[in-house]
Protein backbone atom coordinates (compact mmCIF):
# COMPACT_ATOMS: atom_id res chain seq x y z
CA MET A 1 124.02 95.50 123.14
CA LYS A 2 124.32 96.23 126.84
CA PRO A 3 126.73 94.77 129.40
CA PRO A 4 125.63 92.86 132.49
CA ARG A 5 125.30 94.78 135.75
CA PHE A 6 128.48 95.56 137.68
CA ASP A 7 129.79 97.88 140.37
CA TYR A 8 132.19 100.63 139.35
CA ALA A 9 135.19 102.09 141.23
CA THR A 10 137.45 105.00 140.33
CA PRO A 11 140.61 104.90 142.48
CA THR A 12 142.99 107.86 142.26
CA THR A 13 146.19 106.05 143.32
CA VAL A 14 147.79 102.71 142.49
CA THR A 15 147.71 101.78 146.17
CA GLU A 16 143.94 102.31 146.28
CA ALA A 17 143.45 100.30 143.08
CA VAL A 18 145.49 97.37 144.43
CA ALA A 19 143.48 97.43 147.67
CA LEU A 20 140.25 97.21 145.66
CA LEU A 21 141.63 94.29 143.65
CA LYS A 22 142.59 92.48 146.82
CA GLN A 23 139.19 93.15 148.34
CA HIS A 24 137.20 91.85 145.35
CA ASP A 25 139.75 89.32 143.98
CA THR A 26 138.29 87.22 141.15
CA GLU A 27 135.14 89.38 140.92
CA ALA A 28 137.12 92.41 139.69
CA LYS A 29 138.25 93.50 136.24
CA ILE A 30 140.66 96.32 135.46
CA LEU A 31 139.42 98.96 133.02
CA ALA A 32 142.24 100.74 131.23
CA GLY A 33 141.36 102.10 127.79
CA GLY A 34 138.42 99.71 127.41
CA GLN A 35 138.97 99.01 123.71
CA SER A 36 139.05 95.25 124.32
CA LEU A 37 137.14 94.92 127.58
CA VAL A 38 134.05 96.95 126.68
CA PRO A 39 133.19 94.81 123.60
CA LEU A 40 133.62 91.68 125.74
CA LEU A 41 131.24 93.17 128.31
CA ASN A 42 128.70 94.09 125.67
CA MET A 43 128.79 90.56 124.23
CA ARG A 44 128.59 89.24 127.79
CA LEU A 45 131.71 87.15 127.31
CA THR A 46 132.90 88.44 130.68
CA ARG A 47 130.75 89.22 133.73
CA PRO A 48 132.78 91.00 136.43
CA GLY A 49 131.23 91.95 139.73
CA ILE A 50 133.14 95.24 139.72
CA LEU A 51 135.12 97.32 137.24
CA ILE A 52 138.14 99.18 138.63
CA ASP A 53 138.79 102.13 136.33
CA LEU A 54 142.43 103.30 136.30
CA GLY A 55 141.65 106.39 134.24
CA ARG A 56 141.90 108.77 137.21
CA ILE A 57 145.39 107.72 138.33
CA PRO A 58 147.71 110.39 136.89
CA GLU A 59 150.87 108.64 138.13
CA LEU A 60 150.37 105.97 135.45
CA ASN A 61 150.51 108.38 132.50
CA TYR A 62 153.99 109.39 131.26
CA ILE A 63 156.69 108.86 128.64
CA ARG A 64 160.33 109.49 129.52
CA GLU A 65 163.84 108.19 128.92
CA ALA A 66 165.82 106.68 131.79
CA ASP A 67 168.72 104.25 132.10
CA GLY A 68 168.88 103.45 128.40
CA ALA A 69 165.16 102.77 128.02
CA ILE A 70 161.96 104.48 126.98
CA VAL A 71 159.81 104.25 130.10
CA ILE A 72 156.04 104.40 129.62
CA GLY A 73 153.29 104.43 132.23
CA ALA A 74 150.63 101.79 131.80
CA MET A 75 147.78 104.31 131.32
CA THR A 76 149.57 106.25 128.59
CA THR A 77 147.46 106.16 125.43
CA LYS A 78 148.71 104.74 122.18
CA ARG A 79 148.03 108.09 120.55
CA SER A 80 150.44 109.72 123.02
CA VAL A 81 153.09 107.17 122.02
CA GLU A 82 152.36 107.82 118.35
CA ASP A 83 152.77 111.59 118.81
CA SER A 84 155.87 111.37 121.04
CA ASP A 85 159.01 112.82 119.45
CA LEU A 86 161.04 110.91 122.04
CA VAL A 87 159.57 107.59 120.92
CA LYS A 88 159.97 108.44 117.24
CA SER A 89 163.64 109.30 117.61
CA ARG A 90 164.77 106.85 120.28
CA GLN A 91 162.57 103.80 119.76
CA PRO A 92 161.26 103.84 116.18
CA LEU A 93 160.19 100.18 116.23
CA LEU A 94 157.68 100.97 118.98
CA HIS A 95 156.43 103.97 117.01
CA ALA A 96 156.03 101.95 113.81
CA ALA A 97 154.08 99.25 115.65
CA THR A 98 151.81 101.84 117.26
CA VAL A 99 150.74 103.30 113.92
CA LEU A 100 149.53 99.85 112.84
CA ILE A 101 147.16 99.50 115.79
CA GLY A 102 143.49 100.01 114.99
CA HIS A 103 142.50 103.53 113.99
CA VAL A 104 142.91 106.99 115.52
CA ALA A 105 139.76 106.69 117.62
CA ILE A 106 141.03 103.42 119.10
CA ARG A 107 144.52 104.80 119.73
CA ASN A 108 143.00 107.84 121.42
CA ARG A 109 141.48 105.62 124.11
CA GLY A 110 143.53 102.43 124.07
CA THR A 111 146.43 102.29 126.53
CA VAL A 112 149.89 100.76 126.43
CA GLY A 113 149.34 98.78 129.60
CA GLY A 114 145.89 97.64 128.55
CA SER A 115 147.20 96.16 125.31
CA LEU A 116 150.17 94.48 126.97
CA ALA A 117 148.07 92.98 129.76
CA HIS A 118 145.24 91.86 127.46
CA ALA A 119 147.83 89.67 125.69
CA ASP A 120 146.08 89.16 122.38
CA PRO A 121 148.53 87.04 120.33
CA ALA A 122 147.76 89.04 117.17
CA ALA A 123 148.46 92.41 118.83
CA GLU A 124 151.58 94.41 118.05
CA TYR A 125 152.64 95.61 121.53
CA PRO A 126 153.26 92.17 123.09
CA ALA A 127 155.48 91.27 120.11
CA VAL A 128 157.39 94.56 120.39
CA ALA A 129 157.92 93.94 124.09
CA VAL A 130 159.40 90.48 123.46
CA ALA A 131 161.50 91.67 120.51
CA LEU A 132 163.03 94.50 122.54
CA ASP A 133 163.40 92.41 125.72
CA ALA A 134 161.21 94.91 127.54
CA GLU A 135 160.75 94.93 131.29
CA LEU A 136 157.23 95.15 132.70
CA ARG A 137 156.59 96.36 136.22
CA ALA A 138 153.62 95.38 138.35
CA MET A 139 152.28 96.40 141.73
CA GLY A 140 150.38 94.12 144.08
CA PRO A 141 149.62 93.72 147.80
CA ASN A 142 153.16 92.43 148.37
CA GLY A 143 154.80 95.38 146.61
CA ALA A 144 156.36 95.98 143.20
CA ARG A 145 158.07 93.44 140.95
CA SER A 146 159.61 93.34 137.48
CA ILE A 147 158.83 90.76 134.81
CA LYS A 148 160.74 90.21 131.58
CA ALA A 149 158.52 90.27 128.51
CA ALA A 150 159.64 86.74 127.60
CA ASP A 151 158.22 85.52 130.92
CA PHE A 152 155.14 87.74 130.92
CA TYR A 153 153.15 85.91 128.24
CA VAL A 154 151.96 82.49 129.41
CA SER A 155 149.21 81.45 126.98
CA TYR A 156 146.30 82.86 125.00
CA LEU A 157 145.07 86.03 126.77
CA THR A 158 147.01 84.92 129.85
CA THR A 159 149.94 86.68 131.52
CA ALA A 160 152.14 86.22 134.57
CA LEU A 161 150.23 88.94 136.42
CA GLU A 162 148.63 87.77 139.65
CA PRO A 163 144.88 88.43 140.02
CA THR A 164 145.63 91.17 142.58
CA GLU A 165 148.42 92.86 140.57
CA ILE A 166 148.27 95.89 138.30
CA LEU A 167 150.67 96.53 135.42
CA THR A 168 152.12 99.97 136.13
CA GLU A 169 155.01 100.53 133.71
CA VAL A 170 156.94 99.12 130.76
CA ARG A 171 160.56 99.81 129.86
CA PHE A 172 161.53 99.45 126.20
CA PRO A 173 165.35 99.42 125.82
CA VAL A 174 166.72 101.85 123.25
CA LEU A 175 168.29 100.13 120.24
CA PRO A 176 172.10 100.18 120.19
CA SER A 177 174.05 102.29 117.72
CA GLY A 178 174.14 100.69 114.28
CA ALA A 179 170.99 98.63 114.81
CA GLY A 180 168.18 98.34 112.30
CA TRP A 181 164.57 97.34 112.82
CA SER A 182 161.43 96.33 111.00
CA CYS A 183 157.77 95.81 111.83
CA MET A 184 155.79 93.93 109.17
CA GLU A 185 152.38 92.32 109.21
CA VAL A 186 149.59 91.15 106.94
CA ALA A 187 146.02 92.20 107.79
CA ARG A 188 142.84 92.23 105.76
CA ARG A 189 142.57 95.99 106.24
CA HIS A 190 144.75 98.57 107.91
CA GLY A 191 143.91 98.55 111.58
CA ASP A 192 142.67 94.96 111.68
CA PHE A 193 144.45 92.42 113.83
CA ALA A 194 147.35 90.83 111.99
CA MET A 195 146.93 87.40 110.45
CA ALA A 196 150.69 87.14 110.93
CA GLY A 197 153.59 89.50 111.45
CA ALA A 198 157.23 89.83 112.43
CA MET A 199 159.18 92.22 114.64
CA VAL A 200 162.90 92.20 113.81
CA THR A 201 166.00 93.97 115.08
CA VAL A 202 169.47 93.53 113.56
CA THR A 203 172.87 94.89 114.51
CA LEU A 204 175.74 94.91 112.00
CA ALA A 205 179.42 94.70 112.94
CA ARG A 206 182.06 96.79 111.18
CA ASP A 207 182.86 93.96 108.78
CA GLY A 208 179.23 93.91 107.65
CA ARG A 209 178.33 90.70 109.42
CA CYS A 210 175.30 90.44 111.63
CA SER A 211 176.41 90.57 115.26
CA ALA A 212 172.94 90.36 116.86
CA ALA A 213 169.36 89.67 115.79
CA ARG A 214 165.92 89.30 117.36
CA ILE A 215 163.02 87.81 115.43
CA VAL A 216 159.57 87.64 117.02
CA LEU A 217 156.45 86.38 115.26
CA PHE A 218 152.93 87.37 116.21
CA GLY A 219 149.51 86.23 115.10
CA VAL A 220 150.72 82.66 114.61
CA GLY A 221 150.42 81.18 118.10
CA ALA A 222 149.06 81.66 121.59
CA VAL A 223 151.86 84.08 122.55
CA PRO A 224 154.50 86.15 120.74
CA LEU A 225 156.96 83.60 119.37
CA ARG A 226 160.69 84.26 119.42
CA ALA A 227 162.26 82.44 116.46
CA ALA A 228 165.63 81.67 118.04
CA ALA A 229 166.67 79.17 115.36
CA ALA A 230 166.02 81.78 112.68
CA GLU A 231 168.16 84.27 114.58
CA GLN A 232 171.08 81.83 114.60
CA VAL A 233 170.91 81.54 110.82
CA VAL A 234 171.54 85.28 110.56
CA ILE A 235 174.06 85.93 113.36
CA GLY A 236 177.65 85.81 112.16
CA GLN A 237 176.67 85.97 108.50
CA LYS A 238 176.90 88.69 105.91
CA PRO A 239 173.34 89.56 104.91
CA SER A 240 172.13 88.04 101.66
CA GLU A 241 168.89 86.95 100.08
CA LYS A 242 169.80 83.31 100.77
CA VAL A 243 170.41 84.04 104.44
CA PHE A 244 167.04 85.79 104.65
CA GLN A 245 165.32 82.88 102.88
CA ASP A 246 166.89 80.31 105.20
CA ALA A 247 165.97 82.35 108.27
CA GLY A 248 162.41 82.69 107.01
CA GLN A 249 162.13 78.93 106.66
CA LYS A 250 163.39 78.43 110.20
CA ALA A 251 160.83 80.95 111.41
CA ALA A 252 158.07 79.06 109.62
CA ASP A 253 159.30 75.84 111.23
CA ALA A 254 159.16 77.51 114.65
CA ALA A 255 155.46 78.24 114.12
CA GLU A 256 154.61 74.62 114.84
CA GLU A 257 150.91 75.03 115.61
CA PRO A 258 149.63 78.29 114.10
CA MET A 259 146.10 79.37 114.78
CA SER A 260 143.47 78.46 112.18
CA ASP A 261 140.27 80.49 111.94
CA THR A 262 137.95 82.24 109.49
CA HIS A 263 140.64 84.81 108.68
CA ALA A 264 143.48 82.46 107.75
CA SER A 265 144.36 78.80 107.87
CA ALA A 266 147.27 77.46 109.90
CA GLU A 267 149.10 76.63 106.66
CA TYR A 268 148.69 80.17 105.35
CA ARG A 269 149.88 81.68 108.64
CA ARG A 270 152.98 79.48 108.56
CA TYR A 271 153.67 80.70 105.02
CA LEU A 272 153.20 84.31 106.13
CA ALA A 273 155.67 83.75 108.98
CA GLN A 274 158.29 82.81 106.40
CA VAL A 275 157.54 85.75 104.11
CA MET A 276 157.27 88.36 106.87
CA THR A 277 160.56 87.22 108.43
CA ARG A 278 162.41 87.38 105.12
CA ARG A 279 161.09 90.83 104.24
CA ALA A 280 161.53 92.22 107.75
CA LEU A 281 165.14 91.02 107.91
CA ALA A 282 165.92 92.72 104.61
CA GLU A 283 164.37 95.98 105.78
CA ALA A 284 166.09 95.84 109.19
CA VAL A 285 169.48 95.20 107.58
CA SER A 286 168.92 98.11 105.20
CA ARG A 287 168.21 100.40 108.15
CA ALA A 288 171.19 99.03 110.06
CA GLY A 289 173.43 99.82 107.10
CA ARG A 290 172.21 103.40 106.97
CA ALA A 291 172.66 103.75 110.73
CA ALA A 292 176.23 102.46 110.52
């Protein structure tokens, strides 16, 4: 299959890319890694007048630690994240989520910013961003701005980015001392999009009670879903199978209108939300105990 005709631009700076976006407005599409956009082009589900390729902007490719966060440029590949010793040691939840994405060939080309901005509700990176309360930074004609991950995802494949803005950076906070984490999902095959999954972080106090928890579901709705009611079941309690079961049920209740398609029914996705939450909480607590 071949894509429709389009013009092609290769800016070398963010400023130049933003100027091109402003010039072409709704006719333009950003090309990052291309792992989602190129298939859409080939199936002619999108017909941009111009593609703006960010691949020649070196200032968007980096991984570093600053101010208590792992800071990643939008054009950094997933494979670079996977291979990063800094990510493995300082933000293992992000590393674990990365390994679940597609296959090596996809991770070689796919970018962090591309995945976050594409906003597929079954993708791992948006869920990680919400679970870790990440901060996303964008650049547009009016300058730079920061957007919390919880505010970034608006609806299916829709973000808070303006049409003339480019996602430039994401900051994933480092987990506090004594925190545990878990990334669990169910997919038909490794590398497929998740039918449902859960990203969980848990912090244990000295008395063994849970002092903080974040539970985010993905693959069950239009955006990553934070299960706040499930978190409240866990916080202040000593971990137990009953607590995990009750939290899982609250998570399933939070998935009010799961997607239903050829891969899984809404009912099955709601059931998976319960199971993934229960298992992920148990694993996160186990890791938190070892960390403490």
